[in-house]
Amino acid sequence: MSKVFIDIAWNSKKHVCYDTDRDLFFEVDSLAELKDYDEIYLDNSLFPDMWQQLREVISNGKNVYYFTSPYGMWKA
């Protein structure tokens, strides 16, 4: 099963991606370009204009995981 981790970009910048199988970093303009991956892991930066991209990825049967921020959960 192929996995990709995404650092979500803002303001028309490219999303930085990491392919775990090929140990490769690359960039994409849209999450829809990740159609070759079964599992897509997103960082905690979702923006309102991304919902259409996410809908397209999910409707194609891909699993999308979202990391939420742990701030406030870790205390010394």
PDB file of N, CA and C in Angstrom:
ATOM      1  N   MET A   1       0.849  -1.173   0.000  1.00  0.00           N
ATOM      2  CA  MET A   1       0.000   0.000   0.000  1.00  0.00           C
ATOM      3  C   MET A   1       0.898   1.241   0.000  1.00  0.00           C
ATOM      4  N   SER A   2       0.710   2.120  -0.951  1.00  0.00           N
ATOM      5  CA  SER A   2       1.566   3.294  -1.073  1.00  0.00           C
ATOM      6  C   SER A   2       1.072   4.436  -0.186  1.00  0.00           C
ATOM      7  N   LYS A   3       2.027   5.102   0.475  1.00  0.00           N
ATOM      8  CA  LYS A   3       1.716   6.189   1.401  1.00  0.00           C
ATOM      9  C   LYS A   3       2.456   7.452   0.986  1.00  0.00           C
ATOM     10  N   VAL A   4       1.811   8.574   1.263  1.00  0.00           N
ATOM     11  CA  VAL A   4       2.459   9.869   1.030  1.00  0.00           C
ATOM     12  C   VAL A   4       2.082  10.801   2.171  1.00  0.00           C
ATOM     13  N   PHE A   5       3.065  11.541   2.654  1.00  0.00           N
ATOM     14  CA  PHE A   5       2.856  12.532   3.707  1.00  0.00           C
ATOM     15  C   PHE A   5       2.924  13.921   3.065  1.00  0.00           C
ATOM     16  N   ILE A   6       1.990  14.800   3.422  1.00  0.00           N
ATOM     17  CA  ILE A   6       1.859  16.100   2.775  1.00  0.00           C
ATOM     18  C   ILE A   6       2.033  17.234   3.777  1.00  0.00           C
ATOM     19  N   ASP A   7       2.880  18.180   3.425  1.00  0.00           N
ATOM     20  CA  ASP A   7       2.976  19.446   4.145  1.00  0.00           C
ATOM     21  C   ASP A   7       2.153  20.440   3.341  1.00  0.00           C
ATOM     22  N   ILE A   8       0.971  20.772   3.820  1.00  0.00           N
ATOM     23  CA  ILE A   8       0.023  21.601   3.080  1.00  0.00           C
ATOM     24  C   ILE A   8       0.534  23.031   2.951  1.00  0.00           C
ATOM     25  N   ALA A   9       0.433  23.574   1.741  1.00  0.00           N
ATOM     26  CA  ALA A   9       0.875  24.938   1.461  1.00  0.00           C
ATOM     27  C   ALA A   9      -0.318  25.883   1.377  1.00  0.00           C
ATOM     28  N   TRP A  10      -0.051  27.148   1.520  1.00  0.00           N
ATOM     29  CA  TRP A  10      -1.060  28.202   1.506  1.00  0.00           C
ATOM     30  C   TRP A  10      -0.688  29.228   0.453  1.00  0.00           C
ATOM     31  N   ASN A  11      -1.663  29.950  -0.066  1.00  0.00           N
ATOM     32  CA  ASN A  11      -1.437  31.055  -1.019  1.00  0.00           C
ATOM     33  C   ASN A  11      -0.827  30.596  -2.331  1.00  0.00           C
ATOM     34  N   SER A  12      -1.390  29.578  -2.930  1.00  0.00           N
ATOM     35  CA  SER A  12      -0.992  29.095  -4.256  1.00  0.00           C
ATOM     36  C   SER A  12       0.422  28.534  -4.323  1.00  0.00           C
ATOM     37  N   LYS A  13       0.992  28.212  -3.185  1.00  0.00           N
ATOM     38  CA  LYS A  13       2.295  27.539  -3.191  1.00  0.00           C
ATOM     39  C   LYS A  13       2.051  26.050  -3.384  1.00  0.00           C
ATOM     40  N   LYS A  14       3.091  25.342  -3.756  1.00  0.00           N
ATOM     41  CA  LYS A  14       2.973  23.900  -3.964  1.00  0.00           C
ATOM     42  C   LYS A  14       3.003  23.164  -2.622  1.00  0.00           C
ATOM     43  N   HIS A  15       2.271  22.043  -2.566  1.00  0.00           N
ATOM     44  CA  HIS A  15       2.292  21.180  -1.395  1.00  0.00           C
ATOM     45  C   HIS A  15       3.549  20.310  -1.482  1.00  0.00           C
ATOM     46  N   VAL A  16       4.283  20.216  -0.392  1.00  0.00           N
ATOM     47  CA  VAL A  16       5.480  19.377  -0.356  1.00  0.00           C
ATOM     48  C   VAL A  16       5.068  17.985   0.110  1.00  0.00           C
ATOM     49  N   CYS A  17       5.507  16.968  -0.613  1.00  0.00           N
ATOM     50  CA  CYS A  17       5.097  15.591  -0.364  1.00  0.00           C
ATOM     51  C   CYS A  17       6.312  14.699  -0.132  1.00  0.00           C
ATOM     52  N   TYR A  18       6.086  13.648   0.653  1.00  0.00           N
ATOM     53  CA  TYR A  18       7.125  12.650   0.877  1.00  0.00           C
ATOM     54  C   TYR A  18       6.556  11.263   0.609  1.00  0.00           C
ATOM     55  N   ASP A  19       7.140  10.582  -0.370  1.00  0.00           N
ATOM     56  CA  ASP A  19       6.757   9.221  -0.739  1.00  0.00           C
ATOM     57  C   ASP A  19       7.595   8.262   0.095  1.00  0.00           C
ATOM     58  N   THR A  20       6.937   7.493   0.981  1.00  0.00           N
ATOM     59  CA  THR A  20       7.666   6.613   1.890  1.00  0.00           C
ATOM     60  C   THR A  20       8.298   5.413   1.189  1.00  0.00           C
ATOM     61  N   ASP A  21       7.682   4.924   0.137  1.00  0.00           N
ATOM     62  CA  ASP A  21       8.213   3.752  -0.562  1.00  0.00           C
ATOM     63  C   ASP A  21       9.479   4.075  -1.346  1.00  0.00           C
ATOM     64  N   ARG A  22       9.493   5.227  -1.995  1.00  0.00           N
ATOM     65  CA  ARG A  22      10.640   5.612  -2.830  1.00  0.00           C
ATOM     66  C   ARG A  22      11.627   6.526  -2.108  1.00  0.00           C
ATOM     67  N   ASP A  23      11.311   6.909  -0.857  1.00  0.00           N
ATOM     68  CA  ASP A  23      12.145   7.826  -0.088  1.00  0.00           C
ATOM     69  C   ASP A  23      12.451   9.076  -0.927  1.00  0.00           C
ATOM     70  N   LEU A  24      11.358   9.720  -1.369  1.00  0.00           N
ATOM     71  CA  LEU A  24      11.462  10.812  -2.328  1.00  0.00           C
ATOM     72  C   LEU A  24      10.571  11.983  -1.916  1.00  0.00           C
ATOM     73  N   PHE A  25      11.116  13.185  -1.982  1.00  0.00           N
ATOM     74  CA  PHE A  25      10.337  14.405  -1.779  1.00  0.00           C
ATOM     75  C   PHE A  25       9.956  14.971  -3.134  1.00  0.00           C
ATOM     76  N   PHE A  26       8.735  15.515  -3.251  1.00  0.00           N
ATOM     77  CA  PHE A  26       8.284  16.150  -4.485  1.00  0.00           C
ATOM     78  C   PHE A  26       7.202  17.161  -4.148  1.00  0.00           C
ATOM     79  N   GLU A  27       6.778  17.951  -5.138  1.00  0.00           N
ATOM     80  CA  GLU A  27       5.765  18.978  -4.927  1.00  0.00           C
ATOM     81  C   GLU A  27       4.598  18.773  -5.888  1.00  0.00           C
ATOM     82  N   VAL A  28       3.394  19.143  -5.421  1.00  0.00           N
ATOM     83  CA  VAL A  28       2.200  19.107  -6.267  1.00  0.00           C
ATOM     84  C   VAL A  28       1.406  20.391  -6.057  1.00  0.00           C
ATOM     85  N   ASP A  29       0.634  20.754  -7.064  1.00  0.00           N
ATOM     86  CA  ASP A  29      -0.236  21.926  -6.965  1.00  0.00           C
ATOM     87  C   ASP A  29      -1.556  21.587  -6.283  1.00  0.00           C
ATOM     88  N   SER A  30      -2.007  20.352  -6.473  1.00  0.00           N
ATOM     89  CA  SER A  30      -3.320  19.938  -5.966  1.00  0.00           C
ATOM     90  C   SER A  30      -3.224  18.541  -5.369  1.00  0.00           C
ATOM     91  N   LEU A  31      -4.021  18.297  -4.342  1.00  0.00           N
ATOM     92  CA  LEU A  31      -4.076  16.962  -3.748  1.00  0.00           C
ATOM     93  C   LEU A  31      -4.616  15.941  -4.746  1.00  0.00           C
ATOM     94  N   ALA A  32      -5.369  16.382  -5.710  1.00  0.00           N
ATOM     95  CA  ALA A  32      -5.922  15.485  -6.727  1.00  0.00           C
ATOM     96  C   ALA A  32      -4.819  14.819  -7.557  1.00  0.00           C
ATOM     97  N   GLU A  33      -3.632  15.389  -7.560  1.00  0.00           N
ATOM     98  CA  GLU A  33      -2.507  14.802  -8.294  1.00  0.00           C
ATOM     99  C   GLU A  33      -1.965  13.543  -7.612  1.00  0.00           C
ATOM    100  N   LEU A  34      -2.426  13.240  -6.430  1.00  0.00           N
ATOM    101  CA  LEU A  34      -1.914  12.110  -5.655  1.00  0.00           C
ATOM    102  C   LEU A  34      -2.731  10.846  -5.875  1.00  0.00           C
ATOM    103  N   LYS A  35      -3.283  10.680  -7.052  1.00  0.00           N
ATOM    104  CA  LYS A  35      -4.175   9.561  -7.347  1.00  0.00           C
ATOM    105  C   LYS A  35      -3.488   8.194  -7.302  1.00  0.00           C
ATOM    106  N   ASP A  36      -2.171   8.157  -7.343  1.00  0.00           N
ATOM    107  CA  ASP A  36      -1.445   6.888  -7.309  1.00  0.00           C
ATOM    108  C   ASP A  36      -1.188   6.379  -5.898  1.00  0.00           C
ATOM    109  N   TYR A  37      -1.609   7.136  -4.886  1.00  0.00           N
ATOM    110  CA  TYR A  37      -1.364   6.754  -3.497  1.00  0.00           C
ATOM    111  C   TYR A  37      -2.637   6.249  -2.844  1.00  0.00           C
ATOM    112  N   ASP A  38      -2.489   5.189  -2.044  1.00  0.00           N
ATOM    113  CA  ASP A  38      -3.631   4.606  -1.336  1.00  0.00           C
ATOM    114  C   ASP A  38      -3.919   5.331  -0.025  1.00  0.00           C
ATOM    115  N   GLU A  39      -2.847   5.773   0.650  1.00  0.00           N
ATOM    116  CA  GLU A  39      -2.986   6.461   1.928  1.00  0.00           C
ATOM    117  C   GLU A  39      -2.314   7.823   1.839  1.00  0.00           C
ATOM    118  N   ILE A  40      -3.063   8.858   2.208  1.00  0.00           N
ATOM    119  CA  ILE A  40      -2.571  10.230   2.149  1.00  0.00           C
ATOM    120  C   ILE A  40      -2.658  10.805   3.557  1.00  0.00           C
ATOM    121  N   TYR A  41      -1.516  11.250   4.069  1.00  0.00           N
ATOM    122  CA  TYR A  41      -1.436  11.808   5.415  1.00  0.00           C
ATOM    123  C   TYR A  41      -1.201  13.309   5.312  1.00  0.00           C
ATOM    124  N   LEU A  42      -2.091  14.094   5.917  1.00  0.00           N
ATOM    125  CA  LEU A  42      -2.018  15.544   5.855  1.00  0.00           C
ATOM    126  C   LEU A  42      -1.556  16.109   7.185  1.00  0.00           C
ATOM    127  N   ASP A  43      -0.770  17.201   7.119  1.00  0.00           N
ATOM    128  CA  ASP A  43      -0.399  17.873   8.359  1.00  0.00           C
ATOM    129  C   ASP A  43      -1.600  18.642   8.896  1.00  0.00           C
ATOM    130  N   ASN A  44      -1.420  19.417   9.904  1.00  0.00           N
ATOM    131  CA  ASN A  44      -2.563  20.055  10.563  1.00  0.00           C
ATOM    132  C   ASN A  44      -2.933  21.402   9.965  1.00  0.00           C
ATOM    133  N   SER A  45      -2.654  21.631   8.713  1.00  0.00           N
ATOM    134  CA  SER A  45      -2.938  22.925   8.083  1.00  0.00           C
ATOM    135  C   SER A  45      -3.937  22.787   6.943  1.00  0.00           C
ATOM    136  N   LEU A  46      -5.184  22.558   7.249  1.00  0.00           N
ATOM    137  CA  LEU A  46      -6.206  22.505   6.208  1.00  0.00           C
ATOM    138  C   LEU A  46      -6.780  23.905   6.004  1.00  0.00           C
ATOM    139  N   PHE A  47      -6.981  24.270   4.756  1.00  0.00           N
ATOM    140  CA  PHE A  47      -7.499  25.588   4.419  1.00  0.00           C
ATOM    141  C   PHE A  47      -8.826  25.447   3.690  1.00  0.00           C
ATOM    142  N   PRO A  48      -9.706  26.442   3.795  1.00  0.00           N
ATOM    143  CA  PRO A  48     -11.053  26.339   3.202  1.00  0.00           C
ATOM    144  C   PRO A  48     -11.073  25.989   1.719  1.00  0.00           C
ATOM    145  N   ASP A  49     -10.103  26.450   0.946  1.00  0.00           N
ATOM    146  CA  ASP A  49     -10.129  26.185  -0.499  1.00  0.00           C
ATOM    147  C   ASP A  49      -9.687  24.769  -0.856  1.00  0.00           C
ATOM    148  N   MET A  50      -9.365  23.942   0.122  1.00  0.00           N
ATOM    149  CA  MET A  50      -8.881  22.588  -0.135  1.00  0.00           C
ATOM    150  C   MET A  50      -9.984  21.539  -0.134  1.00  0.00           C
ATOM    151  N   TRP A  51     -11.186  21.878   0.285  1.00  0.00           N
ATOM    152  CA  TRP A  51     -12.229  20.866   0.443  1.00  0.00           C
ATOM    153  C   TRP A  51     -12.590  20.187  -0.870  1.00  0.00           C
ATOM    154  N   GLN A  52     -12.577  20.899  -1.964  1.00  0.00           N
ATOM    155  CA  GLN A  52     -12.871  20.279  -3.261  1.00  0.00           C
ATOM    156  C   GLN A  52     -11.795  19.260  -3.622  1.00  0.00           C
ATOM    157  N   GLN A  53     -10.542  19.606  -3.365  1.00  0.00           N
ATOM    158  CA  GLN A  53      -9.446  18.671  -3.629  1.00  0.00           C
ATOM    159  C   GLN A  53      -9.586  17.411  -2.777  1.00  0.00           C
ATOM    160  N   LEU A  54      -9.905  17.599  -1.500  1.00  0.00           N
ATOM    161  CA  LEU A  54     -10.091  16.452  -0.607  1.00  0.00           C
ATOM    162  C   LEU A  54     -11.258  15.578  -1.041  1.00  0.00           C
ATOM    163  N   ARG A  55     -12.331  16.213  -1.456  1.00  0.00           N
ATOM    164  CA  ARG A  55     -13.511  15.461  -1.911  1.00  0.00           C
ATOM    165  C   ARG A  55     -13.163  14.585  -3.117  1.00  0.00           C
ATOM    166  N   GLU A  56     -12.386  15.129  -4.027  1.00  0.00           N
ATOM    167  CA  GLU A  56     -11.990  14.366  -5.215  1.00  0.00           C
ATOM    168  C   GLU A  56     -11.128  13.165  -4.832  1.00  0.00           C
ATOM    169  N   VAL A  57     -10.190  13.354  -3.926  1.00  0.00           N
ATOM    170  CA  VAL A  57      -9.309  12.267  -3.487  1.00  0.00           C
ATOM    171  C   VAL A  57     -10.115  11.179  -2.776  1.00  0.00           C
ATOM    172  N   ILE A  58     -10.982  11.585  -1.864  1.00  0.00           N
ATOM    173  CA  ILE A  58     -11.768  10.618  -1.090  1.00  0.00           C
ATOM    174  C   ILE A  58     -12.770   9.881  -1.972  1.00  0.00           C
ATOM    175  N   SER A  59     -13.369  10.578  -2.918  1.00  0.00           N
ATOM    176  CA  SER A  59     -14.354   9.933  -3.792  1.00  0.00           C
ATOM    177  C   SER A  59     -13.714   8.897  -4.711  1.00  0.00           C
ATOM    178  N   ASN A  60     -12.396   8.968  -4.881  1.00  0.00           N
ATOM    179  CA  ASN A  60     -11.678   7.974  -5.678  1.00  0.00           C
ATOM    180  C   ASN A  60     -11.219   6.790  -4.832  1.00  0.00           C
ATOM    181  N   GLY A  61     -11.740   6.695  -3.601  1.00  0.00           N
ATOM    182  CA  GLY A  61     -11.468   5.536  -2.766  1.00  0.00           C
ATOM    183  C   GLY A  61     -10.164   5.585  -1.992  1.00  0.00           C
ATOM    184  N   LYS A  62      -9.525   6.723  -1.903  1.00  0.00           N
ATOM    185  CA  LYS A  62      -8.270   6.851  -1.166  1.00  0.00           C
ATOM    186  C   LYS A  62      -8.559   7.112   0.306  1.00  0.00           C
ATOM    187  N   ASN A  63      -7.676   6.663   1.168  1.00  0.00           N
ATOM    188  CA  ASN A  63      -7.785   6.932   2.603  1.00  0.00           C
ATOM    189  C   ASN A  63      -6.990   8.183   2.915  1.00  0.00           C
ATOM    190  N   VAL A  64      -7.621   9.140   3.575  1.00  0.00           N
ATOM    191  CA  VAL A  64      -6.962  10.395   3.941  1.00  0.00           C
ATOM    192  C   VAL A  64      -6.959  10.495   5.456  1.00  0.00           C
ATOM    193  N   TYR A  65      -5.778  10.752   5.999  1.00  0.00           N
ATOM    194  CA  TYR A  65      -5.606  10.897   7.439  1.00  0.00           C
ATOM    195  C   TYR A  65      -5.126  12.316   7.725  1.00  0.00           C
ATOM    196  N   TYR A  66      -5.606  12.866   8.820  1.00  0.00           N
ATOM    197  CA  TYR A  66      -5.333  14.252   9.172  1.00  0.00           C
ATOM    198  C   TYR A  66      -4.740  14.310  10.576  1.00  0.00           C
ATOM    199  N   PHE A  67      -3.544  14.889  10.698  1.00  0.00           N
ATOM    200  CA  PHE A  67      -2.901  15.038  11.998  1.00  0.00           C
ATOM    201  C   PHE A  67      -3.387  16.328  12.643  1.00  0.00           C
ATOM    202  N   THR A  68      -3.965  16.215  13.816  1.00  0.00           N
ATOM    203  CA  THR A  68      -4.407  17.405  14.525  1.00  0.00           C
ATOM    204  C   THR A  68      -3.291  17.899  15.435  1.00  0.00           C
ATOM    205  N   SER A  69      -3.402  19.106  15.831  1.00  0.00           N
ATOM    206  CA  SER A  69      -2.370  19.734  16.651  1.00  0.00           C
ATOM    207  C   SER A  69      -2.423  19.224  18.080  1.00  0.00           C
ATOM    208  N   PRO A  70      -1.275  18.839  18.636  1.00  0.00           N
ATOM    209  CA  PRO A  70      -1.249  18.361  20.024  1.00  0.00           C
ATOM    210  C   PRO A  70      -1.098  19.493  21.040  1.00  0.00           C
ATOM    211  N   TYR A  71      -1.111  20.760  20.588  1.00  0.00           N
ATOM    212  CA  TYR A  71      -0.897  21.874  21.513  1.00  0.00           C
ATOM    213  C   TYR A  71      -1.936  21.829  22.631  1.00  0.00           C
ATOM    214  N   GLY A  72      -1.459  22.015  23.821  1.00  0.00           N
ATOM    215  CA  GLY A  72      -2.339  21.990  24.968  1.00  0.00           C
ATOM    216  C   GLY A  72      -2.469  20.606  25.589  1.00  0.00           C
ATOM    217  N   MET A  73      -2.067  19.586  24.866  1.00  0.00           N
ATOM    218  CA  MET A  73      -2.159  18.234  25.382  1.00  0.00           C
ATOM    219  C   MET A  73      -0.885  17.838  26.126  1.00  0.00           C
ATOM    220  N   TRP A  74       0.244  18.426  25.764  1.00  0.00           N
ATOM    221  CA  TRP A  74       1.521  18.079  26.362  1.00  0.00           C
ATOM    222  C   TRP A  74       1.868  19.099  27.434  1.00  0.00           C
ATOM    223  N   LYS A  75       1.990  18.648  28.632  1.00  0.00           N
ATOM    224  CA  LYS A  75       2.325  19.540  29.744  1.00  0.00           C
ATOM    225  C   LYS A  75       3.527  19.011  30.489  1.00  0.00           C
ATOM    226  N   ALA A  76       4.374  19.934  30.932  1.00  0.00           N
ATOM    227  CA  ALA A  76       5.584  19.546  31.668  1.00  0.00           C
ATOM    228  C   ALA A  76       5.254  19.288  33.118  1.00  0.00           C
TER     229      ALA A  76
END
